[in-house]
Amino acid sequence: MGDRKRARDDEFQSFVVGRWPRLMRTAFLLTGEQHAAEDLVQSTLEQVYAAWRKVGSADDPEAYVRRVMINAHARRHRRRLKEFLAPRDDSGLVHEVADTGDRIAQADDRSALLKALAELPARQREAVVLRYWEDLTETQTAEAMGCSVGTVKSNAAKGIAKLRAIPALAEMVTQGWRD
């Protein structure tokens, strides 16, 4: 029995080490604050560890964990915790290195995007972050959010429309395409 527990612990540790950066990025985009993101990921992993036998044997453990994280964030949001998606001082943040094809990460002024995301209602923000930042399919996003694909499409479309209406973002995209 000790060997099985050790193997399960090793499997969980491998999962956490491999997925930590992506989970942190998603949590930061949902909460808008580095410490809140760390708390969200840690509390999510705490819940997942307790049920790792079930989670580890799931078809897609990462999707399962993402769903737990979305639910935990939604519970906190329902309690009316104030979120600050664009902190006044980002000097303590760990900045991600841009992928060569990731236009958003390459943008010099990410604060405009973060401020715009902060203005979106929670469900629209979740849909936009999961679909377009995390590059999940509509089905994966619906599973993570616990809703239908139609709801994902609606929330994502409304969120993107609101983001497109913000002049600073439109200017950023236009400049990015000209460069």
N, C-alpha and C. Protein backbone atom coordinates (compact mmCIF):
# COMPACT_ATOMS: atom_id res chain seq x y z
N MET A 1 0.82 -1.19 0.00
CA MET A 1 0.00 0.00 0.00
C MET A 1 0.87 1.26 0.00
N GLY A 2 1.98 1.23 0.69
CA GLY A 2 2.87 2.37 0.74
C GLY A 2 3.44 2.69 -0.63
N ASP A 3 3.72 1.64 -1.42
CA ASP A 3 4.27 1.86 -2.76
C ASP A 3 3.24 2.50 -3.68
N ARG A 4 1.97 2.09 -3.54
CA ARG A 4 0.92 2.70 -4.37
C ARG A 4 0.73 4.17 -4.02
N LYS A 5 0.76 4.47 -2.73
CA LYS A 5 0.61 5.87 -2.32
C LYS A 5 1.79 6.70 -2.82
N ARG A 6 2.97 6.14 -2.72
CA ARG A 6 4.17 6.85 -3.19
C ARG A 6 4.09 7.07 -4.70
N ALA A 7 3.62 6.07 -5.43
CA ALA A 7 3.49 6.20 -6.89
C ALA A 7 2.45 7.27 -7.23
N ARG A 8 1.34 7.29 -6.48
CA ARG A 8 0.31 8.30 -6.69
C ARG A 8 0.85 9.69 -6.38
N ASP A 9 1.60 9.81 -5.29
CA ASP A 9 2.21 11.10 -4.93
C ASP A 9 3.19 11.56 -6.01
N ASP A 10 3.97 10.63 -6.53
CA ASP A 10 4.93 10.97 -7.60
C ASP A 10 4.19 11.43 -8.86
N GLU A 11 3.10 10.74 -9.17
CA GLU A 11 2.30 11.10 -10.35
C GLU A 11 1.70 12.50 -10.16
N PHE A 12 1.20 12.78 -8.97
CA PHE A 12 0.63 14.10 -8.68
C PHE A 12 1.71 15.17 -8.77
N GLN A 13 2.87 14.89 -8.19
CA GLN A 13 3.96 15.86 -8.23
C GLN A 13 4.38 16.16 -9.67
N SER A 14 4.47 15.13 -10.49
CA SER A 14 4.81 15.31 -11.90
C SER A 14 3.77 16.18 -12.61
N PHE A 15 2.51 15.92 -12.31
CA PHE A 15 1.43 16.71 -12.90
C PHE A 15 1.58 18.17 -12.51
N VAL A 16 1.78 18.44 -11.24
CA VAL A 16 1.88 19.82 -10.75
C VAL A 16 3.07 20.53 -11.37
N VAL A 17 4.22 19.89 -11.38
CA VAL A 17 5.42 20.51 -11.94
C VAL A 17 5.22 20.83 -13.42
N GLY A 18 4.60 19.92 -14.15
CA GLY A 18 4.40 20.12 -15.58
C GLY A 18 3.34 21.15 -15.92
N ARG A 19 2.34 21.32 -15.06
CA ARG A 19 1.21 22.19 -15.38
C ARG A 19 1.22 23.51 -14.62
N TRP A 20 2.11 23.68 -13.66
CA TRP A 20 2.11 24.87 -12.81
C TRP A 20 2.09 26.18 -13.60
N PRO A 21 2.98 26.39 -14.57
CA PRO A 21 2.98 27.68 -15.27
C PRO A 21 1.64 27.98 -15.97
N ARG A 22 1.08 26.99 -16.61
CA ARG A 22 -0.18 27.21 -17.32
C ARG A 22 -1.34 27.46 -16.35
N LEU A 23 -1.37 26.71 -15.25
CA LEU A 23 -2.40 26.93 -14.25
C LEU A 23 -2.28 28.32 -13.65
N MET A 24 -1.06 28.75 -13.38
CA MET A 24 -0.84 30.10 -12.83
C MET A 24 -1.29 31.18 -13.81
N ARG A 25 -0.98 30.99 -15.08
CA ARG A 25 -1.37 31.98 -16.08
C ARG A 25 -2.90 32.09 -16.14
N THR A 26 -3.57 30.96 -16.18
CA THR A 26 -5.03 30.98 -16.22
C THR A 26 -5.60 31.62 -14.97
N ALA A 27 -5.07 31.25 -13.82
CA ALA A 27 -5.55 31.82 -12.55
C ALA A 27 -5.31 33.32 -12.50
N PHE A 28 -4.16 33.77 -12.99
CA PHE A 28 -3.89 35.21 -12.99
C PHE A 28 -4.87 35.95 -13.89
N LEU A 29 -5.16 35.38 -15.05
CA LEU A 29 -6.10 36.03 -15.95
C LEU A 29 -7.51 36.05 -15.37
N LEU A 30 -7.83 35.07 -14.56
CA LEU A 30 -9.16 35.05 -13.93
C LEU A 30 -9.24 35.99 -12.74
N THR A 31 -8.18 36.05 -11.94
CA THR A 31 -8.23 36.84 -10.71
C THR A 31 -7.65 38.24 -10.87
N GLY A 32 -6.63 38.37 -11.72
CA GLY A 32 -6.02 39.66 -11.96
C GLY A 32 -4.95 40.06 -10.96
N GLU A 33 -4.62 39.18 -10.07
CA GLU A 33 -3.65 39.54 -9.03
C GLU A 33 -2.78 38.31 -8.74
N GLN A 34 -1.49 38.51 -8.69
CA GLN A 34 -0.54 37.40 -8.55
C GLN A 34 -0.81 36.55 -7.30
N HIS A 35 -0.99 37.21 -6.17
CA HIS A 35 -1.21 36.45 -4.92
C HIS A 35 -2.54 35.71 -4.94
N ALA A 36 -3.56 36.34 -5.48
CA ALA A 36 -4.87 35.67 -5.59
C ALA A 36 -4.77 34.48 -6.53
N ALA A 37 -3.98 34.62 -7.60
CA ALA A 37 -3.79 33.51 -8.54
C ALA A 37 -3.08 32.35 -7.86
N GLU A 38 -2.05 32.66 -7.09
CA GLU A 38 -1.33 31.60 -6.36
C GLU A 38 -2.26 30.91 -5.37
N ASP A 39 -3.06 31.68 -4.66
CA ASP A 39 -4.02 31.10 -3.72
C ASP A 39 -5.01 30.20 -4.44
N LEU A 40 -5.51 30.66 -5.58
CA LEU A 40 -6.48 29.89 -6.34
C LEU A 40 -5.88 28.57 -6.82
N VAL A 41 -4.68 28.62 -7.37
CA VAL A 41 -4.04 27.40 -7.85
C VAL A 41 -3.74 26.46 -6.69
N GLN A 42 -3.22 26.99 -5.60
CA GLN A 42 -2.89 26.14 -4.46
C GLN A 42 -4.13 25.50 -3.84
N SER A 43 -5.21 26.26 -3.70
CA SER A 43 -6.42 25.67 -3.13
C SER A 43 -7.02 24.64 -4.09
N THR A 44 -6.91 24.90 -5.38
CA THR A 44 -7.38 23.94 -6.37
C THR A 44 -6.57 22.64 -6.28
N LEU A 45 -5.25 22.76 -6.21
CA LEU A 45 -4.41 21.58 -6.14
C LEU A 45 -4.60 20.83 -4.82
N GLU A 46 -4.93 21.55 -3.79
CA GLU A 46 -5.23 20.91 -2.51
C GLU A 46 -6.47 20.02 -2.65
N GLN A 47 -7.51 20.54 -3.29
CA GLN A 47 -8.72 19.75 -3.52
C GLN A 47 -8.43 18.57 -4.44
N VAL A 48 -7.66 18.81 -5.47
CA VAL A 48 -7.36 17.77 -6.45
C VAL A 48 -6.52 16.66 -5.82
N TYR A 49 -5.58 17.03 -4.98
CA TYR A 49 -4.73 16.02 -4.34
C TYR A 49 -5.58 15.04 -3.52
N ALA A 50 -6.56 15.58 -2.83
CA ALA A 50 -7.43 14.73 -2.00
C ALA A 50 -8.19 13.71 -2.85
N ALA A 51 -8.42 14.03 -4.11
CA ALA A 51 -9.16 13.13 -4.99
C ALA A 51 -8.29 12.66 -6.16
N TRP A 52 -6.96 12.62 -5.96
CA TRP A 52 -6.06 12.35 -7.08
C TRP A 52 -6.31 10.98 -7.73
N ARG A 53 -6.72 10.00 -6.97
CA ARG A 53 -6.98 8.68 -7.55
C ARG A 53 -8.02 8.83 -8.67
N LYS A 54 -9.07 9.58 -8.40
CA LYS A 54 -10.13 9.80 -9.39
C LYS A 54 -9.64 10.73 -10.50
N VAL A 55 -8.97 11.81 -10.13
CA VAL A 55 -8.51 12.80 -11.10
C VAL A 55 -7.45 12.21 -12.02
N GLY A 56 -6.48 11.52 -11.45
CA GLY A 56 -5.39 10.95 -12.23
C GLY A 56 -5.85 9.92 -13.24
N SER A 57 -6.96 9.26 -12.96
CA SER A 57 -7.46 8.25 -13.89
C SER A 57 -8.48 8.82 -14.87
N ALA A 58 -8.78 10.10 -14.78
CA ALA A 58 -9.72 10.74 -15.71
C ALA A 58 -9.12 10.77 -17.11
N ASP A 59 -9.98 10.91 -18.11
CA ASP A 59 -9.51 10.97 -19.50
C ASP A 59 -8.56 12.14 -19.72
N ASP A 60 -8.86 13.27 -19.10
CA ASP A 60 -8.05 14.48 -19.25
C ASP A 60 -7.91 15.16 -17.88
N PRO A 61 -6.89 14.74 -17.11
CA PRO A 61 -6.73 15.31 -15.76
C PRO A 61 -6.59 16.84 -15.76
N GLU A 62 -5.95 17.39 -16.77
CA GLU A 62 -5.78 18.85 -16.82
C GLU A 62 -7.13 19.55 -16.96
N ALA A 63 -8.02 18.99 -17.76
CA ALA A 63 -9.36 19.57 -17.91
C ALA A 63 -10.12 19.48 -16.59
N TYR A 64 -9.94 18.38 -15.89
CA TYR A 64 -10.60 18.19 -14.59
C TYR A 64 -10.12 19.26 -13.60
N VAL A 65 -8.81 19.47 -13.56
CA VAL A 65 -8.23 20.46 -12.64
C VAL A 65 -8.68 21.86 -13.03
N ARG A 66 -8.71 22.14 -14.32
CA ARG A 66 -9.16 23.45 -14.80
C ARG A 66 -10.60 23.70 -14.35
N ARG A 67 -11.44 22.68 -14.45
CA ARG A 67 -12.84 22.81 -14.03
C ARG A 67 -12.94 23.10 -12.53
N VAL A 68 -12.13 22.41 -11.73
CA VAL A 68 -12.12 22.66 -10.29
C VAL A 68 -11.71 24.11 -10.03
N MET A 69 -10.71 24.60 -10.78
CA MET A 69 -10.22 25.96 -10.59
C MET A 69 -11.30 26.98 -10.99
N ILE A 70 -11.98 26.76 -12.10
CA ILE A 70 -13.04 27.67 -12.53
C ILE A 70 -14.15 27.71 -11.48
N ASN A 71 -14.53 26.55 -10.97
CA ASN A 71 -15.58 26.49 -9.95
C ASN A 71 -15.15 27.22 -8.67
N ALA A 72 -13.90 27.03 -8.27
CA ALA A 72 -13.40 27.70 -7.07
C ALA A 72 -13.40 29.21 -7.27
N HIS A 73 -12.99 29.65 -8.45
CA HIS A 73 -12.99 31.08 -8.74
C HIS A 73 -14.42 31.62 -8.74
N ALA A 74 -15.34 30.88 -9.33
CA ALA A 74 -16.74 31.32 -9.38
C ALA A 74 -17.32 31.44 -7.97
N ARG A 75 -16.98 30.51 -7.10
CA ARG A 75 -17.47 30.58 -5.71
C ARG A 75 -16.94 31.83 -5.02
N ARG A 76 -15.68 32.15 -5.23
CA ARG A 76 -15.11 33.36 -4.63
C ARG A 76 -15.76 34.60 -5.20
N HIS A 77 -16.00 34.59 -6.51
CA HIS A 77 -16.61 35.75 -7.16
C HIS A 77 -18.03 35.97 -6.65
N ARG A 78 -18.75 34.89 -6.43
CA ARG A 78 -20.11 35.00 -5.91
C ARG A 78 -20.14 35.63 -4.54
N ARG A 79 -19.07 35.45 -3.80
CA ARG A 79 -18.98 36.05 -2.46
C ARG A 79 -18.64 37.52 -2.53
N ARG A 80 -18.59 38.04 -3.73
CA ARG A 80 -18.34 39.47 -3.96
C ARG A 80 -16.93 39.91 -3.53
N LEU A 81 -15.96 39.03 -3.68
CA LEU A 81 -14.59 39.45 -3.43
C LEU A 81 -14.18 40.38 -4.57
N LYS A 82 -13.60 41.50 -4.23
CA LYS A 82 -13.21 42.46 -5.24
C LYS A 82 -11.94 41.97 -5.92
N GLU A 83 -11.96 42.00 -7.23
CA GLU A 83 -10.80 41.59 -8.01
C GLU A 83 -10.19 42.81 -8.69
N PHE A 84 -8.91 42.83 -8.75
CA PHE A 84 -8.19 43.88 -9.45
C PHE A 84 -7.38 43.22 -10.54
N LEU A 85 -7.89 43.25 -11.74
CA LEU A 85 -7.21 42.57 -12.83
C LEU A 85 -5.99 43.35 -13.31
N ALA A 86 -5.96 44.64 -13.07
CA ALA A 86 -4.82 45.45 -13.49
C ALA A 86 -4.20 46.11 -12.26
N PRO A 87 -3.25 45.42 -11.60
CA PRO A 87 -2.66 46.00 -10.41
C PRO A 87 -1.93 47.31 -10.73
N ARG A 88 -1.92 48.20 -9.77
CA ARG A 88 -1.26 49.49 -9.98
C ARG A 88 0.24 49.33 -10.18
N ASP A 89 0.82 48.37 -9.49
CA ASP A 89 2.26 48.17 -9.58
C ASP A 89 2.50 46.71 -9.97
N ASP A 90 3.00 46.49 -11.16
CA ASP A 90 3.23 45.12 -11.61
C ASP A 90 4.69 44.69 -11.46
N SER A 91 5.45 45.41 -10.63
CA SER A 91 6.87 45.09 -10.49
C SER A 91 7.10 43.72 -9.85
N GLY A 92 6.15 43.24 -9.05
CA GLY A 92 6.32 41.96 -8.40
C GLY A 92 5.82 40.78 -9.23
N LEU A 93 5.26 41.07 -10.40
CA LEU A 93 4.72 40.00 -11.23
C LEU A 93 5.82 39.31 -12.01
N VAL A 94 5.64 38.04 -12.21
CA VAL A 94 6.54 37.28 -13.07
C VAL A 94 5.98 37.40 -14.47
N HIS A 95 6.73 38.00 -15.37
CA HIS A 95 6.26 38.21 -16.73
C HIS A 95 6.57 36.98 -17.56
N GLU A 96 5.56 36.52 -18.30
CA GLU A 96 5.78 35.34 -19.12
C GLU A 96 6.54 35.72 -20.37
N VAL A 97 7.29 34.76 -20.88
CA VAL A 97 8.05 34.98 -22.10
C VAL A 97 7.11 34.68 -23.27
N ALA A 98 7.07 35.57 -24.23
CA ALA A 98 6.14 35.43 -25.35
C ALA A 98 6.54 34.29 -26.26
N ASP A 99 5.55 33.51 -26.66
CA ASP A 99 5.75 32.52 -27.72
C ASP A 99 5.86 33.30 -29.02
N THR A 100 6.54 32.75 -29.98
CA THR A 100 6.73 33.50 -31.22
C THR A 100 5.43 33.79 -31.94
N GLY A 101 4.41 32.95 -31.79
CA GLY A 101 3.15 33.18 -32.48
C GLY A 101 2.07 33.79 -31.61
N ASP A 102 2.36 34.15 -30.39
CA ASP A 102 1.34 34.65 -29.47
C ASP A 102 1.31 36.17 -29.51
N ARG A 103 0.39 36.75 -30.32
CA ARG A 103 0.31 38.19 -30.51
C ARG A 103 0.01 38.93 -29.21
N ILE A 104 -0.86 38.36 -28.37
CA ILE A 104 -1.24 39.05 -27.14
C ILE A 104 -0.04 39.15 -26.20
N ALA A 105 0.70 38.04 -26.05
CA ALA A 105 1.85 38.04 -25.15
C ALA A 105 2.96 38.95 -25.66
N GLN A 106 3.02 39.15 -26.98
CA GLN A 106 4.06 39.99 -27.55
C GLN A 106 3.73 41.47 -27.39
N ALA A 107 2.51 41.81 -27.12
CA ALA A 107 2.12 43.21 -27.01
C ALA A 107 2.91 43.90 -25.92
N ASP A 108 3.43 45.08 -26.25
CA ASP A 108 4.21 45.83 -25.27
C ASP A 108 3.35 46.31 -24.10
N ASP A 109 2.13 46.68 -24.38
CA ASP A 109 1.30 47.25 -23.33
C ASP A 109 0.20 46.28 -22.93
N ARG A 110 0.55 45.31 -22.10
CA ARG A 110 -0.41 44.33 -21.65
C ARG A 110 -1.40 44.92 -20.65
N SER A 111 -1.05 46.04 -20.05
CA SER A 111 -1.96 46.62 -19.07
C SER A 111 -3.29 47.01 -19.69
N ALA A 112 -3.28 47.44 -20.95
CA ALA A 112 -4.54 47.78 -21.62
C ALA A 112 -5.43 46.55 -21.75
N LEU A 113 -4.85 45.43 -22.07
CA LEU A 113 -5.62 44.20 -22.17
C LEU A 113 -6.14 43.75 -20.81
N LEU A 114 -5.29 43.82 -19.80
CA LEU A 114 -5.70 43.40 -18.46
C LEU A 114 -6.82 44.30 -17.93
N LYS A 115 -6.72 45.60 -18.17
CA LYS A 115 -7.77 46.52 -17.75
C LYS A 115 -9.07 46.21 -18.47
N ALA A 116 -8.96 45.92 -19.75
CA ALA A 116 -10.16 45.60 -20.53
C ALA A 116 -10.79 44.30 -20.04
N LEU A 117 -9.98 43.30 -19.75
CA LEU A 117 -10.51 42.05 -19.22
C LEU A 117 -11.21 42.27 -17.88
N ALA A 118 -10.67 43.18 -17.08
CA ALA A 118 -11.26 43.47 -15.77
C ALA A 118 -12.66 44.05 -15.90
N GLU A 119 -12.93 44.70 -17.00
CA GLU A 119 -14.24 45.32 -17.21
C GLU A 119 -15.30 44.31 -17.65
N LEU A 120 -14.88 43.15 -18.10
CA LEU A 120 -15.85 42.15 -18.55
C LEU A 120 -16.53 41.47 -17.36
N PRO A 121 -17.80 41.11 -17.50
CA PRO A 121 -18.43 40.28 -16.47
C PRO A 121 -17.68 38.95 -16.33
N ALA A 122 -17.77 38.35 -15.17
CA ALA A 122 -16.97 37.15 -14.86
C ALA A 122 -17.13 36.04 -15.90
N ARG A 123 -18.34 35.71 -16.30
CA ARG A 123 -18.56 34.61 -17.25
C ARG A 123 -17.98 34.94 -18.62
N GLN A 124 -18.09 36.19 -19.06
CA GLN A 124 -17.50 36.58 -20.33
C GLN A 124 -15.98 36.51 -20.25
N ARG A 125 -15.43 36.96 -19.13
CA ARG A 125 -13.98 36.90 -18.94
C ARG A 125 -13.49 35.45 -18.98
N GLU A 126 -14.20 34.57 -18.27
CA GLU A 126 -13.82 33.15 -18.27
C GLU A 126 -13.84 32.60 -19.69
N ALA A 127 -14.90 32.88 -20.44
CA ALA A 127 -15.01 32.36 -21.80
C ALA A 127 -13.89 32.89 -22.69
N VAL A 128 -13.62 34.18 -22.60
CA VAL A 128 -12.56 34.78 -23.43
C VAL A 128 -11.19 34.22 -23.04
N VAL A 129 -10.90 34.15 -21.76
CA VAL A 129 -9.59 33.65 -21.31
C VAL A 129 -9.39 32.20 -21.74
N LEU A 130 -10.39 31.36 -21.50
CA LEU A 130 -10.23 29.95 -21.83
C LEU A 130 -10.20 29.70 -23.34
N ARG A 131 -11.04 30.38 -24.09
CA ARG A 131 -11.09 30.16 -25.54
C ARG A 131 -9.89 30.76 -26.27
N TYR A 132 -9.58 32.00 -25.96
CA TYR A 132 -8.61 32.70 -26.79
C TYR A 132 -7.22 32.82 -26.18
N TRP A 133 -7.11 32.76 -24.88
CA TRP A 133 -5.78 32.83 -24.28
C TRP A 133 -5.25 31.43 -24.04
N GLU A 134 -6.11 30.59 -23.49
CA GLU A 134 -5.70 29.20 -23.24
C GLU A 134 -5.90 28.32 -24.47
N ASP A 135 -6.55 28.83 -25.49
CA ASP A 135 -6.74 28.14 -26.76
C ASP A 135 -7.48 26.81 -26.62
N LEU A 136 -8.49 26.79 -25.74
CA LEU A 136 -9.31 25.60 -25.60
C LEU A 136 -10.40 25.60 -26.66
N THR A 137 -10.89 24.42 -27.00
CA THR A 137 -12.01 24.34 -27.93
C THR A 137 -13.27 24.81 -27.20
N GLU A 138 -14.32 25.02 -27.96
CA GLU A 138 -15.59 25.42 -27.34
C GLU A 138 -16.09 24.34 -26.39
N THR A 139 -15.92 23.09 -26.78
CA THR A 139 -16.35 21.97 -25.94
C THR A 139 -15.55 21.92 -24.65
N GLN A 140 -14.22 22.08 -24.74
CA GLN A 140 -13.38 22.07 -23.54
C GLN A 140 -13.73 23.25 -22.64
N THR A 141 -13.97 24.40 -23.23
CA THR A 141 -14.34 25.58 -22.45
C THR A 141 -15.67 25.36 -21.75
N ALA A 142 -16.64 24.79 -22.46
CA ALA A 142 -17.95 24.51 -21.87
C ALA A 142 -17.81 23.54 -20.69
N GLU A 143 -16.97 22.53 -20.84
CA GLU A 143 -16.74 21.59 -19.74
C GLU A 143 -16.10 22.29 -18.55
N ALA A 144 -15.12 23.15 -18.83
CA ALA A 144 -14.43 23.86 -17.74
C ALA A 144 -15.37 24.83 -17.02
N MET A 145 -16.26 25.47 -17.77
CA MET A 145 -17.17 26.45 -17.18
C MET A 145 -18.45 25.82 -16.63
N GLY A 146 -18.69 24.57 -16.99
CA GLY A 146 -19.90 23.89 -16.52
C GLY A 146 -21.15 24.43 -17.18
N CYS A 147 -21.07 24.67 -18.48
CA CYS A 147 -22.22 25.21 -19.21
C CYS A 147 -22.26 24.58 -20.60
N SER A 148 -23.21 25.03 -21.40
CA SER A 148 -23.34 24.49 -22.76
C SER A 148 -22.37 25.20 -23.71
N VAL A 149 -22.15 24.57 -24.87
CA VAL A 149 -21.30 25.18 -25.90
C VAL A 149 -21.94 26.49 -26.37
N GLY A 150 -23.25 26.52 -26.46
CA GLY A 150 -23.95 27.75 -26.87
C GLY A 150 -23.69 28.90 -25.92
N THR A 151 -23.67 28.59 -24.62
CA THR A 151 -23.38 29.63 -23.62
C THR A 151 -21.96 30.14 -23.78
N VAL A 152 -21.03 29.23 -24.06
CA VAL A 152 -19.63 29.63 -24.30
C VAL A 152 -19.56 30.56 -25.50
N LYS A 153 -20.21 30.16 -26.59
CA LYS A 153 -20.19 30.98 -27.81
C LYS A 153 -20.75 32.37 -27.54
N SER A 154 -21.88 32.41 -26.83
CA SER A 154 -22.53 33.69 -26.52
C SER A 154 -21.65 34.57 -25.64
N ASN A 155 -21.12 33.99 -24.55
CA ASN A 155 -20.27 34.78 -23.64
C ASN A 155 -18.98 35.22 -24.32
N ALA A 156 -18.37 34.34 -25.11
CA ALA A 156 -17.13 34.70 -25.80
C ALA A 156 -17.39 35.80 -26.83
N ALA A 157 -18.48 35.67 -27.58
CA ALA A 157 -18.79 36.69 -28.59
C ALA A 157 -19.05 38.04 -27.96
N LYS A 158 -19.81 38.06 -26.88
CA LYS A 158 -20.10 39.32 -26.19
C LYS A 158 -18.82 39.93 -25.60
N GLY A 159 -17.99 39.08 -25.01
CA GLY A 159 -16.73 39.56 -24.43
C GLY A 159 -15.80 40.13 -25.49
N ILE A 160 -15.65 39.41 -26.60
CA ILE A 160 -14.78 39.88 -27.69
C ILE A 160 -15.33 41.18 -28.27
N ALA A 161 -16.64 41.27 -28.42
CA ALA A 161 -17.24 42.51 -28.94
C ALA A 161 -16.93 43.69 -28.03
N LYS A 162 -17.02 43.48 -26.71
CA LYS A 162 -16.69 44.56 -25.77
C LYS A 162 -15.21 44.92 -25.86
N LEU A 163 -14.35 43.92 -26.00
CA LEU A 163 -12.92 44.20 -26.11
C LEU A 163 -12.60 44.95 -27.40
N ARG A 164 -13.26 44.57 -28.49
CA ARG A 164 -13.03 45.25 -29.78
C ARG A 164 -13.48 46.70 -29.75
N ALA A 165 -14.42 47.02 -28.88
CA ALA A 165 -14.94 48.38 -28.80
C ALA A 165 -14.02 49.32 -28.02
N ILE A 166 -12.97 48.80 -27.42
CA ILE A 166 -12.05 49.62 -26.64
C ILE A 166 -10.96 50.15 -27.56
N PRO A 167 -10.87 51.47 -27.73
CA PRO A 167 -9.93 52.06 -28.68
C PRO A 167 -8.46 51.65 -28.44
N ALA A 168 -8.03 51.58 -27.19
CA ALA A 168 -6.63 51.24 -26.91
C ALA A 168 -6.28 49.85 -27.42
N LEU A 169 -7.20 48.92 -27.32
CA LEU A 169 -6.95 47.57 -27.81
C LEU A 169 -6.95 47.53 -29.33
N ALA A 170 -7.87 48.25 -29.95
CA ALA A 170 -7.93 48.30 -31.41
C ALA A 170 -6.63 48.87 -31.96
N GLU A 171 -6.11 49.89 -31.29
CA GLU A 171 -4.86 50.51 -31.73
C GLU A 171 -3.69 49.53 -31.59
N MET A 172 -3.68 48.76 -30.49
CA MET A 172 -2.62 47.79 -30.26
C MET A 172 -2.62 46.72 -31.37
N VAL A 173 -3.80 46.23 -31.71
CA VAL A 173 -3.91 45.19 -32.73
C VAL A 173 -3.49 45.74 -34.09
N THR A 174 -3.94 46.96 -34.42
CA THR A 174 -3.59 47.57 -35.68
C THR A 174 -2.09 47.76 -35.79
N GLN A 175 -1.44 48.24 -34.74
CA GLN A 175 0.01 48.44 -34.76
C GLN A 175 0.73 47.10 -34.87
N GLY A 176 0.21 46.08 -34.19
CA GLY A 176 0.84 44.75 -34.23
C GLY A 176 0.82 44.15 -35.62
N TRP A 177 -0.26 44.40 -36.38
CA TRP A 177 -0.35 43.85 -37.73
C TRP A 177 0.52 44.60 -38.72
N ARG A 178 0.81 45.88 -38.44
CA ARG A 178 1.64 46.66 -39.34
C ARG A 178 3.11 46.35 -39.14
N ASP A 179 3.49 45.93 -37.93
CA ASP A 179 4.92 45.70 -37.64
C ASP A 179 5.45 44.49 -38.37
